[in-house]
């Protein structure tokens, strides 16, 4: 058995994954994508337990997804409460500030719940 080192790269990749990555790319506006995307989103909804909700595949960084979620649910003049327990909560506060959105940040210790009385 090959030794598995959990260090920052290079990471061992299963040959099945390497084979998949070697396939020709598919255009995001082509018929293959139009056929595959509904199935991919249905599978995503099952994986994240939101079969009655809506799933989105976003071609971008996690920060883009956070911006999209925030800017599509908050109007100017709304106030956002961010309960943060680490990096992503802090990042959401930075995004609010960058877009001039009023927000309150309640920070907790990473790995620990923020007590309700702090809210």
PDB file of N, CA and C in Angstrom:
ATOM      1  N   UNK A   1       0.836  -1.175   0.000  1.00  0.00           N
ATOM      2  CA  UNK A   1       0.000   0.000   0.000  1.00  0.00           C
ATOM      3  C   UNK A   1       0.887   1.246   0.000  1.00  0.00           C
ATOM      4  N   UNK A   2       0.485   2.224  -0.794  1.00  0.00           N
ATOM      5  CA  UNK A   2       1.216   3.474  -0.886  1.00  0.00           C
ATOM      6  C   UNK A   2       0.972   4.315   0.360  1.00  0.00           C
ATOM      7  N   UNK A   3       2.025   4.947   0.860  1.00  0.00           N
ATOM      8  CA  UNK A   3       1.912   5.795   2.044  1.00  0.00           C
ATOM      9  C   UNK A   3       1.138   7.068   1.694  1.00  0.00           C
ATOM     10  N   UNK A   4       0.201   7.456   2.543  1.00  0.00           N
ATOM     11  CA  UNK A   4      -0.589   8.669   2.342  1.00  0.00           C
ATOM     12  C   UNK A   4      -0.081   9.743   3.282  1.00  0.00           C
ATOM     13  N   UNK A   5       0.488  10.798   2.722  1.00  0.00           N
ATOM     14  CA  UNK A   5       0.957  11.928   3.503  1.00  0.00           C
ATOM     15  C   UNK A   5      -0.059  13.049   3.376  1.00  0.00           C
ATOM     16  N   UNK A   6      -0.521  13.569   4.485  1.00  0.00           N
ATOM     17  CA  UNK A   6      -1.481  14.662   4.465  1.00  0.00           C
ATOM     18  C   UNK A   6      -0.730  15.985   4.605  1.00  0.00           C
ATOM     19  N   UNK A   7      -0.058  16.345   3.537  1.00  0.00           N
ATOM     20  CA  UNK A   7       0.716  17.575   3.487  1.00  0.00           C
ATOM     21  C   UNK A   7       0.177  18.412   2.333  1.00  0.00           C
ATOM     22  N   UNK A   8       0.533  19.693   2.268  1.00  0.00           N
ATOM     23  CA  UNK A   8       0.051  20.509   1.158  1.00  0.00           C
ATOM     24  C   UNK A   8       0.721  20.137  -0.157  1.00  0.00           C
ATOM     25  N   UNK A   9       0.119  19.212  -0.871  1.00  0.00           N
ATOM     26  CA  UNK A   9       0.474  18.808  -2.230  1.00  0.00           C
ATOM     27  C   UNK A   9       1.883  18.291  -2.393  1.00  0.00           C
ATOM     28  N   UNK A  10       2.160  17.577  -3.429  1.00  0.00           N
ATOM     29  CA  UNK A  10       1.132  17.134  -4.378  1.00  0.00           C
ATOM     30  C   UNK A  10       0.258  16.044  -3.751  1.00  0.00           C
ATOM     31  N   UNK A  11      -1.017  16.082  -4.030  1.00  0.00           N
ATOM     32  CA  UNK A  11      -1.962  15.132  -3.458  1.00  0.00           C
ATOM     33  C   UNK A  11      -2.165  13.959  -4.408  1.00  0.00           C
ATOM     34  N   UNK A  12      -2.255  12.739  -3.867  1.00  0.00           N
ATOM     35  CA  UNK A  12      -2.522  11.603  -4.733  1.00  0.00           C
ATOM     36  C   UNK A  12      -3.943  11.703  -5.299  1.00  0.00           C
ATOM     37  N   UNK A  13      -4.090  11.413  -6.574  1.00  0.00           N
ATOM     38  CA  UNK A  13      -5.387  11.495  -7.241  1.00  0.00           C
ATOM     39  C   UNK A  13      -5.688  10.136  -7.851  1.00  0.00           C
ATOM     40  N   UNK A  14      -6.888   9.627  -7.613  1.00  0.00           N
ATOM     41  CA  UNK A  14      -7.310   8.329  -8.132  1.00  0.00           C
ATOM     42  C   UNK A  14      -7.301   8.354  -9.658  1.00  0.00           C
ATOM     43  N   UNK A  15      -6.860   7.271 -10.307  1.00  0.00           N
ATOM     44  CA  UNK A  15      -6.824   7.235 -11.773  1.00  0.00           C
ATOM     45  C   UNK A  15      -8.181   7.534 -12.432  1.00  0.00           C
ATOM     46  N   UNK A  16      -9.286   7.179 -11.784  1.00  0.00           N
ATOM     47  CA  UNK A  16     -10.613   7.476 -12.338  1.00  0.00           C
ATOM     48  C   UNK A  16     -10.821   8.983 -12.472  1.00  0.00           C
ATOM     49  N   UNK A  17     -10.320   9.733 -11.490  1.00  0.00           N
ATOM     50  CA  UNK A  17     -10.439  11.187 -11.525  1.00  0.00           C
ATOM     51  C   UNK A  17      -9.538  11.756 -12.623  1.00  0.00           C
ATOM     52  N   UNK A  18      -8.312  11.260 -12.706  1.00  0.00           N
ATOM     53  CA  UNK A  18      -7.394  11.709 -13.751  1.00  0.00           C
ATOM     54  C   UNK A  18      -8.014  11.474 -15.121  1.00  0.00           C
ATOM     55  N   UNK A  19      -8.621  10.310 -15.328  1.00  0.00           N
ATOM     56  CA  UNK A  19      -9.274   9.996 -16.610  1.00  0.00           C
ATOM     57  C   UNK A  19     -10.409  10.979 -16.899  1.00  0.00           C
ATOM     58  N   UNK A  20     -11.214  11.275 -15.896  1.00  0.00           N
ATOM     59  CA  UNK A  20     -12.328  12.210 -16.087  1.00  0.00           C
ATOM     60  C   UNK A  20     -11.818  13.598 -16.467  1.00  0.00           C
ATOM     61  N   UNK A  21     -10.744  14.026 -15.820  1.00  0.00           N
ATOM     62  CA  UNK A  21     -10.193  15.349 -16.109  1.00  0.00           C
ATOM     63  C   UNK A  21      -9.551  15.424 -17.493  1.00  0.00           C
ATOM     64  N   UNK A  22      -9.209  14.272 -18.057  1.00  0.00           N
ATOM     65  CA  UNK A  22      -8.579  14.235 -19.378  1.00  0.00           C
ATOM     66  C   UNK A  22      -9.599  14.293 -20.514  1.00  0.00           C
ATOM     67  N   UNK A  23     -10.883  14.274 -20.195  1.00  0.00           N
ATOM     68  CA  UNK A  23     -11.919  14.315 -21.226  1.00  0.00           C
ATOM     69  C   UNK A  23     -12.005  15.726 -21.822  1.00  0.00           C
ATOM     70  N   UNK A  24     -12.488  15.828 -23.070  1.00  0.00           N
ATOM     71  CA  UNK A  24     -12.640  17.163 -23.667  1.00  0.00           C
ATOM     72  C   UNK A  24     -13.617  18.012 -22.851  1.00  0.00           C
ATOM     73  N   UNK A  25     -13.363  19.306 -22.820  1.00  0.00           N
ATOM     74  CA  UNK A  25     -14.251  20.199 -22.083  1.00  0.00           C
ATOM     75  C   UNK A  25     -15.564  20.375 -22.844  1.00  0.00           C
ATOM     76  N   UNK A  26     -16.587  20.759 -22.101  1.00  0.00           N
ATOM     77  CA  UNK A  26     -17.926  20.958 -22.660  1.00  0.00           C
ATOM     78  C   UNK A  26     -18.244  22.446 -22.571  1.00  0.00           C
ATOM     79  N   UNK A  27     -18.780  23.001 -23.636  1.00  0.00           N
ATOM     80  CA  UNK A  27     -19.136  24.417 -23.639  1.00  0.00           C
ATOM     81  C   UNK A  27     -20.276  24.679 -22.671  1.00  0.00           C
ATOM     82  N   UNK A  28     -20.184  25.782 -21.940  1.00  0.00           N
ATOM     83  CA  UNK A  28     -21.245  26.129 -20.998  1.00  0.00           C
ATOM     84  C   UNK A  28     -22.521  26.568 -21.711  1.00  0.00           C
ATOM     85  N   UNK A  29     -22.472  26.781 -23.016  1.00  0.00           N
ATOM     86  CA  UNK A  29     -23.674  27.135 -23.775  1.00  0.00           C
ATOM     87  C   UNK A  29     -24.044  26.053 -24.790  1.00  0.00           C
ATOM     88  N   UNK A  30     -23.385  24.908 -24.707  1.00  0.00           N
ATOM     89  CA  UNK A  30     -23.628  23.842 -25.669  1.00  0.00           C
ATOM     90  C   UNK A  30     -24.762  22.914 -25.253  1.00  0.00           C
ATOM     91  N   UNK A  31     -25.188  22.056 -26.159  1.00  0.00           N
ATOM     92  CA  UNK A  31     -26.291  21.129 -25.875  1.00  0.00           C
ATOM     93  C   UNK A  31     -25.959  20.106 -24.786  1.00  0.00           C
ATOM     94  N   UNK A  32     -24.676  19.730 -24.675  1.00  0.00           N
ATOM     95  CA  UNK A  32     -24.306  18.776 -23.621  1.00  0.00           C
ATOM     96  C   UNK A  32     -24.574  19.361 -22.244  1.00  0.00           C
ATOM     97  N   UNK A  33     -24.234  20.638 -22.061  1.00  0.00           N
ATOM     98  CA  UNK A  33     -24.454  21.287 -20.774  1.00  0.00           C
ATOM     99  C   UNK A  33     -25.947  21.412 -20.498  1.00  0.00           C
ATOM    100  N   UNK A  34     -26.714  21.774 -21.514  1.00  0.00           N
ATOM    101  CA  UNK A  34     -28.168  21.907 -21.342  1.00  0.00           C
ATOM    102  C   UNK A  34     -28.787  20.583 -20.928  1.00  0.00           C
ATOM    103  N   UNK A  35     -28.216  19.490 -21.395  1.00  0.00           N
ATOM    104  CA  UNK A  35     -28.733  18.168 -21.046  1.00  0.00           C
ATOM    105  C   UNK A  35     -28.277  17.716 -19.664  1.00  0.00           C
ATOM    106  N   UNK A  36     -27.033  17.992 -19.320  1.00  0.00           N
ATOM    107  CA  UNK A  36     -26.458  17.502 -18.068  1.00  0.00           C
ATOM    108  C   UNK A  36     -26.794  18.353 -16.847  1.00  0.00           C
ATOM    109  N   UNK A  37     -26.926  19.670 -17.014  1.00  0.00           N
ATOM    110  CA  UNK A  37     -27.101  20.554 -15.872  1.00  0.00           C
ATOM    111  C   UNK A  37     -28.318  20.218 -15.016  1.00  0.00           C
ATOM    112  N   UNK A  38     -29.496  19.960 -15.591  1.00  0.00           N
ATOM    113  CA  UNK A  38     -30.638  19.615 -14.718  1.00  0.00           C
ATOM    114  C   UNK A  38     -30.382  18.377 -13.858  1.00  0.00           C
ATOM    115  N   UNK A  39     -29.724  17.369 -14.415  1.00  0.00           N
ATOM    116  CA  UNK A  39     -29.396  16.172 -13.621  1.00  0.00           C
ATOM    117  C   UNK A  39     -28.388  16.488 -12.533  1.00  0.00           C
ATOM    118  N   UNK A  40     -27.391  17.297 -12.877  1.00  0.00           N
ATOM    119  CA  UNK A  40     -26.377  17.669 -11.890  1.00  0.00           C
ATOM    120  C   UNK A  40     -27.008  18.451 -10.740  1.00  0.00           C
ATOM    121  N   UNK A  41     -27.918  19.368 -11.051  1.00  0.00           N
ATOM    122  CA  UNK A  41     -28.568  20.155  -9.995  1.00  0.00           C
ATOM    123  C   UNK A  41     -29.490  19.285  -9.151  1.00  0.00           C
ATOM    124  N   UNK A  42     -30.176  18.334  -9.773  1.00  0.00           N
ATOM    125  CA  UNK A  42     -31.028  17.415  -9.014  1.00  0.00           C
ATOM    126  C   UNK A  42     -30.183  16.592  -8.050  1.00  0.00           C
ATOM    127  N   UNK A  43     -29.032  16.118  -8.508  1.00  0.00           N
ATOM    128  CA  UNK A  43     -28.129  15.365  -7.629  1.00  0.00           C
ATOM    129  C   UNK A  43     -27.588  16.257  -6.513  1.00  0.00           C
ATOM    130  N   UNK A  44     -27.241  17.500  -6.834  1.00  0.00           N
ATOM    131  CA  UNK A  44     -26.759  18.439  -5.817  1.00  0.00           C
ATOM    132  C   UNK A  44     -27.814  18.649  -4.736  1.00  0.00           C
ATOM    133  N   UNK A  45     -29.068  18.792  -5.144  1.00  0.00           N
ATOM    134  CA  UNK A  45     -30.149  19.007  -4.179  1.00  0.00           C
ATOM    135  C   UNK A  45     -30.295  17.811  -3.240  1.00  0.00           C
ATOM    136  N   UNK A  46     -30.104  16.604  -3.763  1.00  0.00           N
ATOM    137  CA  UNK A  46     -30.159  15.411  -2.899  1.00  0.00           C
ATOM    138  C   UNK A  46     -28.984  15.380  -1.930  1.00  0.00           C
ATOM    139  N   UNK A  47     -27.803  15.734  -2.428  1.00  0.00           N
ATOM    140  CA  UNK A  47     -26.600  15.687  -1.601  1.00  0.00           C
ATOM    141  C   UNK A  47     -26.687  16.660  -0.432  1.00  0.00           C
ATOM    142  N   UNK A  48     -27.227  17.866  -0.664  1.00  0.00           N
ATOM    143  CA  UNK A  48     -27.274  18.883   0.388  1.00  0.00           C
ATOM    144  C   UNK A  48     -28.650  18.960   1.059  1.00  0.00           C
ATOM    145  N   UNK A  49     -29.479  17.944   0.827  1.00  0.00           N
ATOM    146  CA  UNK A  49     -30.777  17.799   1.504  1.00  0.00           C
ATOM    147  C   UNK A  49     -31.697  18.999   1.299  1.00  0.00           C
ATOM    148  N   UNK A  50     -31.801  19.466   0.057  1.00  0.00           N
ATOM    149  CA  UNK A  50     -32.725  20.566  -0.224  1.00  0.00           C
ATOM    150  C   UNK A  50     -33.558  20.243  -1.469  1.00  0.00           C
ATOM    151  N   UNK A  51     -34.116  19.029  -1.508  1.00  0.00           N
ATOM    152  CA  UNK A  51     -34.824  18.591  -2.710  1.00  0.00           C
ATOM    153  C   UNK A  51     -35.998  19.489  -3.066  1.00  0.00           C
ATOM    154  N   UNK A  52     -36.594  20.173  -2.081  1.00  0.00           N
ATOM    155  CA  UNK A  52     -37.706  21.080  -2.388  1.00  0.00           C
ATOM    156  C   UNK A  52     -37.224  22.504  -2.618  1.00  0.00           C
ATOM    157  N   UNK A  53     -35.956  22.758  -2.395  1.00  0.00           N
ATOM    158  CA  UNK A  53     -35.403  24.097  -2.568  1.00  0.00           C
ATOM    159  C   UNK A  53     -34.809  24.280  -3.951  1.00  0.00           C
ATOM    160  N   UNK A  54     -33.986  25.280  -4.067  1.00  0.00           N
ATOM    161  CA  UNK A  54     -33.333  25.589  -5.344  1.00  0.00           C
ATOM    162  C   UNK A  54     -31.831  25.482  -5.154  1.00  0.00           C
ATOM    163  N   UNK A  55     -31.157  24.842  -6.093  1.00  0.00           N
ATOM    164  CA  UNK A  55     -29.700  24.703  -6.041  1.00  0.00           C
ATOM    165  C   UNK A  55     -29.096  25.485  -7.202  1.00  0.00           C
ATOM    166  N   UNK A  56     -27.909  26.012  -6.982  1.00  0.00           N
ATOM    167  CA  UNK A  56     -27.217  26.775  -8.014  1.00  0.00           C
ATOM    168  C   UNK A  56     -25.793  26.260  -8.139  1.00  0.00           C
ATOM    169  N   UNK A  57     -25.352  26.073  -9.358  1.00  0.00           N
ATOM    170  CA  UNK A  57     -23.947  25.785  -9.623  1.00  0.00           C
ATOM    171  C   UNK A  57     -23.321  27.100 -10.057  1.00  0.00           C
ATOM    172  N   UNK A  58     -22.320  27.546  -9.334  1.00  0.00           N
ATOM    173  CA  UNK A  58     -21.714  28.845  -9.590  1.00  0.00           C
ATOM    174  C   UNK A  58     -20.280  28.643 -10.053  1.00  0.00           C
ATOM    175  N   UNK A  59     -19.979  29.186 -11.218  1.00  0.00           N
ATOM    176  CA  UNK A  59     -18.623  29.083 -11.757  1.00  0.00           C
ATOM    177  C   UNK A  59     -17.805  30.244 -11.217  1.00  0.00           C
ATOM    178  N   UNK A  60     -17.288  30.086 -10.028  1.00  0.00           N
ATOM    179  CA  UNK A  60     -16.500  31.142  -9.414  1.00  0.00           C
ATOM    180  C   UNK A  60     -16.087  30.725  -8.024  1.00  0.00           C
ATOM    181  N   UNK A  61     -15.386  31.609  -7.371  1.00  0.00           N
ATOM    182  CA  UNK A  61     -14.902  31.339  -6.017  1.00  0.00           C
ATOM    183  C   UNK A  61     -16.048  31.407  -5.017  1.00  0.00           C
ATOM    184  N   UNK A  62     -15.800  30.902  -3.827  1.00  0.00           N
ATOM    185  CA  UNK A  62     -16.799  30.949  -2.764  1.00  0.00           C
ATOM    186  C   UNK A  62     -17.218  32.368  -2.425  1.00  0.00           C
ATOM    187  N   UNK A  63     -16.298  33.310  -2.552  1.00  0.00           N
ATOM    188  CA  UNK A  63     -16.636  34.707  -2.299  1.00  0.00           C
ATOM    189  C   UNK A  63     -17.692  35.193  -3.279  1.00  0.00           C
ATOM    190  N   UNK A  64     -17.618  34.758  -4.532  1.00  0.00           N
ATOM    191  CA  UNK A  64     -18.637  35.123  -5.513  1.00  0.00           C
ATOM    192  C   UNK A  64     -19.998  34.595  -5.078  1.00  0.00           C
ATOM    193  N   UNK A  65     -20.052  33.361  -4.609  1.00  0.00           N
ATOM    194  CA  UNK A  65     -21.323  32.785  -4.152  1.00  0.00           C
ATOM    195  C   UNK A  65     -21.866  33.568  -2.959  1.00  0.00           C
ATOM    196  N   UNK A  66     -20.986  33.961  -2.042  1.00  0.00           N
ATOM    197  CA  UNK A  66     -21.425  34.735  -0.883  1.00  0.00           C
ATOM    198  C   UNK A  66     -21.970  36.092  -1.329  1.00  0.00           C
ATOM    199  N   UNK A  67     -21.283  36.761  -2.265  1.00  0.00           N
ATOM    200  CA  UNK A  67     -21.759  38.049  -2.771  1.00  0.00           C
ATOM    201  C   UNK A  67     -23.117  37.898  -3.440  1.00  0.00           C
ATOM    202  N   UNK A  68     -23.262  36.862  -4.268  1.00  0.00           N
ATOM    203  CA  UNK A  68     -24.526  36.649  -4.972  1.00  0.00           C
ATOM    204  C   UNK A  68     -25.668  36.417  -3.988  1.00  0.00           C
ATOM    205  N   UNK A  69     -25.435  35.584  -3.005  1.00  0.00           N
ATOM    206  CA  UNK A  69     -26.477  35.300  -2.019  1.00  0.00           C
ATOM    207  C   UNK A  69     -26.861  36.562  -1.259  1.00  0.00           C
ATOM    208  N   UNK A  70     -25.879  37.325  -0.849  1.00  0.00           N
ATOM    209  CA  UNK A  70     -26.131  38.540  -0.081  1.00  0.00           C
ATOM    210  C   UNK A  70     -26.854  39.592  -0.916  1.00  0.00           C
ATOM    211  N   UNK A  71     -26.330  39.879  -2.100  1.00  0.00           N
ATOM    212  CA  UNK A  71     -26.874  40.969  -2.908  1.00  0.00           C
ATOM    213  C   UNK A  71     -28.230  40.640  -3.520  1.00  0.00           C
ATOM    214  N   UNK A  72     -28.593  39.361  -3.550  1.00  0.00           N
ATOM    215  CA  UNK A  72     -29.903  38.984  -4.076  1.00  0.00           C
ATOM    216  C   UNK A  72     -30.948  38.793  -2.991  1.00  0.00           C
ATOM    217  N   UNK A  73     -30.572  39.009  -1.739  1.00  0.00           N
ATOM    218  CA  UNK A  73     -31.544  38.856  -0.647  1.00  0.00           C
ATOM    219  C   UNK A  73     -31.645  40.083   0.250  1.00  0.00           C
ATOM    220  N   UNK A  74     -30.738  41.033   0.090  1.00  0.00           N
ATOM    221  CA  UNK A  74     -30.705  42.210   0.964  1.00  0.00           C
ATOM    222  C   UNK A  74     -30.884  43.458   0.110  1.00  0.00           C
ATOM    223  N   UNK A  75     -31.760  44.350   0.555  1.00  0.00           N
ATOM    224  CA  UNK A  75     -31.959  45.636  -0.108  1.00  0.00           C
ATOM    225  C   UNK A  75     -31.181  46.715   0.635  1.00  0.00           C
ATOM    226  N   UNK A  76     -30.845  47.767  -0.069  1.00  0.00           N
ATOM    227  CA  UNK A  76     -30.233  48.926   0.592  1.00  0.00           C
ATOM    228  C   UNK A  76     -31.184  49.396   1.682  1.00  0.00           C
ATOM    229  N   UNK A  77     -30.641  49.719   2.829  1.00  0.00           N
ATOM    230  CA  UNK A  77     -31.465  50.127   3.965  1.00  0.00           C
ATOM    231  C   UNK A  77     -31.759  48.972   4.910  1.00  0.00           C
ATOM    232  N   UNK A  78     -31.636  47.721   4.430  1.00  0.00           N
ATOM    233  CA  UNK A  78     -31.775  46.568   5.326  1.00  0.00           C
ATOM    234  C   UNK A  78     -30.535  46.488   6.203  1.00  0.00           C
ATOM    235  N   UNK A  79     -30.684  45.860   7.338  1.00  0.00           N
ATOM    236  CA  UNK A  79     -29.543  45.647   8.223  1.00  0.00           C
ATOM    237  C   UNK A  79     -29.303  44.142   8.309  1.00  0.00           C
ATOM    238  N   UNK A  80     -28.063  43.732   8.177  1.00  0.00           N
ATOM    239  CA  UNK A  80     -27.682  42.321   8.160  1.00  0.00           C
ATOM    240  C   UNK A  80     -27.043  41.965   9.501  1.00  0.00           C
ATOM    241  N   UNK A  81     -27.497  40.866  10.094  1.00  0.00           N
ATOM    242  CA  UNK A  81     -26.862  40.336  11.300  1.00  0.00           C
ATOM    243  C   UNK A  81     -26.003  39.155  10.893  1.00  0.00           C
ATOM    244  N   UNK A  82     -24.722  39.252  11.157  1.00  0.00           N
ATOM    245  CA  UNK A  82     -23.782  38.182  10.828  1.00  0.00           C
ATOM    246  C   UNK A  82     -23.310  37.561  12.127  1.00  0.00           C
ATOM    247  N   UNK A  83     -23.583  36.281  12.293  1.00  0.00           N
ATOM    248  CA  UNK A  83     -23.102  35.528  13.453  1.00  0.00           C
ATOM    249  C   UNK A  83     -21.887  34.750  12.961  1.00  0.00           C
ATOM    250  N   UNK A  84     -20.726  35.159  13.406  1.00  0.00           N
ATOM    251  CA  UNK A  84     -19.481  34.618  12.878  1.00  0.00           C
ATOM    252  C   UNK A  84     -18.774  33.739  13.895  1.00  0.00           C
ATOM    253  N   UNK A  85     -18.282  32.629  13.387  1.00  0.00           N
ATOM    254  CA  UNK A  85     -17.442  31.758  14.207  1.00  0.00           C
ATOM    255  C   UNK A  85     -16.117  31.490  13.497  1.00  0.00           C
ATOM    256  N   UNK A  86     -15.731  32.438  12.642  1.00  0.00           N
ATOM    257  CA  UNK A  86     -14.463  32.250  11.972  1.00  0.00           C
ATOM    258  C   UNK A  86     -14.372  33.004  10.662  1.00  0.00           C
ATOM    259  N   UNK A  87     -13.569  32.481   9.791  1.00  0.00           N
ATOM    260  CA  UNK A  87     -13.183  33.161   8.554  1.00  0.00           C
ATOM    261  C   UNK A  87     -14.372  33.574   7.690  1.00  0.00           C
ATOM    262  N   UNK A  88     -15.321  32.666   7.440  1.00  0.00           N
ATOM    263  CA  UNK A  88     -16.384  32.969   6.493  1.00  0.00           C
ATOM    264  C   UNK A  88     -17.347  34.022   7.019  1.00  0.00           C
ATOM    265  N   UNK A  89     -17.600  34.044   8.292  1.00  0.00           N
ATOM    266  CA  UNK A  89     -18.418  35.104   8.866  1.00  0.00           C
ATOM    267  C   UNK A  89     -17.721  36.444   8.757  1.00  0.00           C
ATOM    268  N   UNK A  90     -16.422  36.454   9.039  1.00  0.00           N
ATOM    269  CA  UNK A  90     -15.647  37.685   8.908  1.00  0.00           C
ATOM    270  C   UNK A  90     -15.635  38.140   7.449  1.00  0.00           C
ATOM    271  N   UNK A  91     -15.526  37.187   6.536  1.00  0.00           N
ATOM    272  CA  UNK A  91     -15.520  37.514   5.100  1.00  0.00           C
ATOM    273  C   UNK A  91     -16.854  38.123   4.691  1.00  0.00           C
ATOM    274  N   UNK A  92     -17.957  37.593   5.214  1.00  0.00           N
ATOM    275  CA  UNK A  92     -19.270  38.138   4.889  1.00  0.00           C
ATOM    276  C   UNK A  92     -19.391  39.583   5.377  1.00  0.00           C
ATOM    277  N   UNK A  93     -18.829  39.885   6.532  1.00  0.00           N
ATOM    278  CA  UNK A  93     -18.822  41.264   7.030  1.00  0.00           C
ATOM    279  C   UNK A  93     -18.018  42.167   6.099  1.00  0.00           C
ATOM    280  N   UNK A  94     -16.900  41.679   5.590  1.00  0.00           N
ATOM    281  CA  UNK A  94     -16.099  42.451   4.636  1.00  0.00           C
ATOM    282  C   UNK A  94     -16.889  42.728   3.359  1.00  0.00           C
ATOM    283  N   UNK A  95     -17.644  41.745   2.900  1.00  0.00           N
ATOM    284  CA  UNK A  95     -18.454  41.927   1.696  1.00  0.00           C
ATOM    285  C   UNK A  95     -19.533  42.971   1.940  1.00  0.00           C
ATOM    286  N   UNK A  96     -20.197  42.898   3.091  1.00  0.00           N
ATOM    287  CA  UNK A  96     -21.202  43.913   3.434  1.00  0.00           C
ATOM    288  C   UNK A  96     -20.582  45.309   3.413  1.00  0.00           C
ATOM    289  N   UNK A  97     -19.427  45.445   4.028  1.00  0.00           N
ATOM    290  CA  UNK A  97     -18.755  46.744   4.080  1.00  0.00           C
ATOM    291  C   UNK A  97     -18.393  47.221   2.678  1.00  0.00           C
ATOM    292  N   UNK A  98     -17.905  46.307   1.842  1.00  0.00           N
ATOM    293  CA  UNK A  98     -17.496  46.683   0.488  1.00  0.00           C
ATOM    294  C   UNK A  98     -18.667  47.202  -0.341  1.00  0.00           C
ATOM    295  N   UNK A  99     -19.860  46.683  -0.081  1.00  0.00           N
ATOM    296  CA  UNK A  99     -21.042  47.108  -0.824  1.00  0.00           C
ATOM    297  C   UNK A  99     -21.860  48.158  -0.078  1.00  0.00           C
ATOM    298  N   UNK A 100     -21.334  48.650   1.035  1.00  0.00           N
ATOM    299  CA  UNK A 100     -22.008  49.703   1.782  1.00  0.00           C
ATOM    300  C   UNK A 100     -23.292  49.239   2.450  1.00  0.00           C
ATOM    301  N   UNK A 101     -23.374  47.978   2.835  1.00  0.00           N
ATOM    302  CA  UNK A 101     -24.563  47.448   3.503  1.00  0.00           C
ATOM    303  C   UNK A 101     -24.408  47.555   5.019  1.00  0.00           C
ATOM    304  N   UNK A 102     -25.448  48.040   5.683  1.00  0.00           N
ATOM    305  CA  UNK A 102     -25.433  48.111   7.143  1.00  0.00           C
ATOM    306  C   UNK A 102     -25.423  46.699   7.700  1.00  0.00           C
ATOM    307  N   UNK A 103     -24.547  46.463   8.651  1.00  0.00           N
ATOM    308  CA  UNK A 103     -24.467  45.122   9.226  1.00  0.00           C
ATOM    309  C   UNK A 103     -23.948  45.176  10.659  1.00  0.00           C
ATOM    310  N   UNK A 104     -24.332  44.173  11.417  1.00  0.00           N
ATOM    311  CA  UNK A 104     -23.799  43.955  12.754  1.00  0.00           C
ATOM    312  C   UNK A 104     -23.091  42.614  12.736  1.00  0.00           C
ATOM    313  N   UNK A 105     -21.933  42.572  13.363  1.00  0.00           N
ATOM    314  CA  UNK A 105     -21.138  41.355  13.418  1.00  0.00           C
ATOM    315  C   UNK A 105     -21.043  40.893  14.868  1.00  0.00           C
ATOM    316  N   UNK A 106     -21.547  39.693  15.136  1.00  0.00           N
ATOM    317  CA  UNK A 106     -21.418  39.084  16.454  1.00  0.00           C
ATOM    318  C   UNK A 106     -20.456  37.913  16.275  1.00  0.00           C
ATOM    319  N   UNK A 107     -19.271  38.030  16.854  1.00  0.00           N
ATOM    320  CA  UNK A 107     -18.247  37.006  16.682  1.00  0.00           C
ATOM    321  C   UNK A 107     -18.198  36.083  17.880  1.00  0.00           C
ATOM    322  N   UNK A 108     -17.991  34.822  17.600  1.00  0.00           N
ATOM    323  CA  UNK A 108     -17.807  33.823  18.637  1.00  0.00           C
ATOM    324  C   UNK A 108     -16.467  33.140  18.445  1.00  0.00           C
ATOM    325  N   UNK A 109     -16.165  32.263  19.348  1.00  0.00           N
ATOM    326  CA  UNK A 109     -14.930  31.500  19.245  1.00  0.00           C
ATOM    327  C   UNK A 109     -15.098  30.418  18.179  1.00  0.00           C
ATOM    328  N   UNK A 110     -14.100  30.227  17.328  1.00  0.00           N
ATOM    329  CA  UNK A 110     -14.197  29.149  16.344  1.00  0.00           C
ATOM    330  C   UNK A 110     -14.475  27.806  17.014  1.00  0.00           C
ATOM    331  N   UNK A 111     -15.465  27.106  16.495  1.00  0.00           N
ATOM    332  CA  UNK A 111     -15.827  25.798  17.024  1.00  0.00           C
ATOM    333  C   UNK A 111     -16.819  25.830  18.163  1.00  0.00           C
ATOM    334  N   UNK A 112     -17.196  27.023  18.629  1.00  0.00           N
ATOM    335  CA  UNK A 112     -18.146  27.143  19.729  1.00  0.00           C
ATOM    336  C   UNK A 112     -19.359  27.933  19.271  1.00  0.00           C
ATOM    337  N   UNK A 113     -20.523  27.549  19.753  1.00  0.00           N
ATOM    338  CA  UNK A 113     -21.754  28.256  19.388  1.00  0.00           C
ATOM    339  C   UNK A 113     -21.788  29.636  20.032  1.00  0.00           C
ATOM    340  N   UNK A 114     -22.372  30.572  19.320  1.00  0.00           N
ATOM    341  CA  UNK A 114     -22.597  31.903  19.900  1.00  0.00           C
ATOM    342  C   UNK A 114     -23.858  31.797  20.751  1.00  0.00           C
ATOM    343  N   UNK A 115     -23.781  32.116  22.038  1.00  0.00           N
ATOM    344  CA  UNK A 115     -24.959  31.978  22.908  1.00  0.00           C
ATOM    345  C   UNK A 115     -26.087  32.915  22.478  1.00  0.00           C
ATOM    346  N   UNK A 116     -27.340  32.481  22.566  1.00  0.00           N
ATOM    347  CA  UNK A 116     -28.472  33.303  22.139  1.00  0.00           C
ATOM    348  C   UNK A 116     -28.514  34.673  22.804  1.00  0.00           C
ATOM    349  N   UNK A 117     -28.096  34.760  24.054  1.00  0.00           N
ATOM    350  CA  UNK A 117     -28.148  36.050  24.736  1.00  0.00           C
ATOM    351  C   UNK A 117     -27.222  37.096  24.110  1.00  0.00           C
ATOM    352  N   UNK A 118     -26.202  36.663  23.347  1.00  0.00           N
ATOM    353  CA  UNK A 118     -25.322  37.595  22.640  1.00  0.00           C
ATOM    354  C   UNK A 118     -26.024  38.226  21.428  1.00  0.00           C
ATOM    355  N   UNK A 119     -27.100  37.578  20.986  1.00  0.00           N
ATOM    356  CA  UNK A 119     -27.804  38.111  19.824  1.00  0.00           C
ATOM    357  C   UNK A 119     -28.778  39.174  20.243  1.00  0.00           C
TER     358      UNK A 119
END
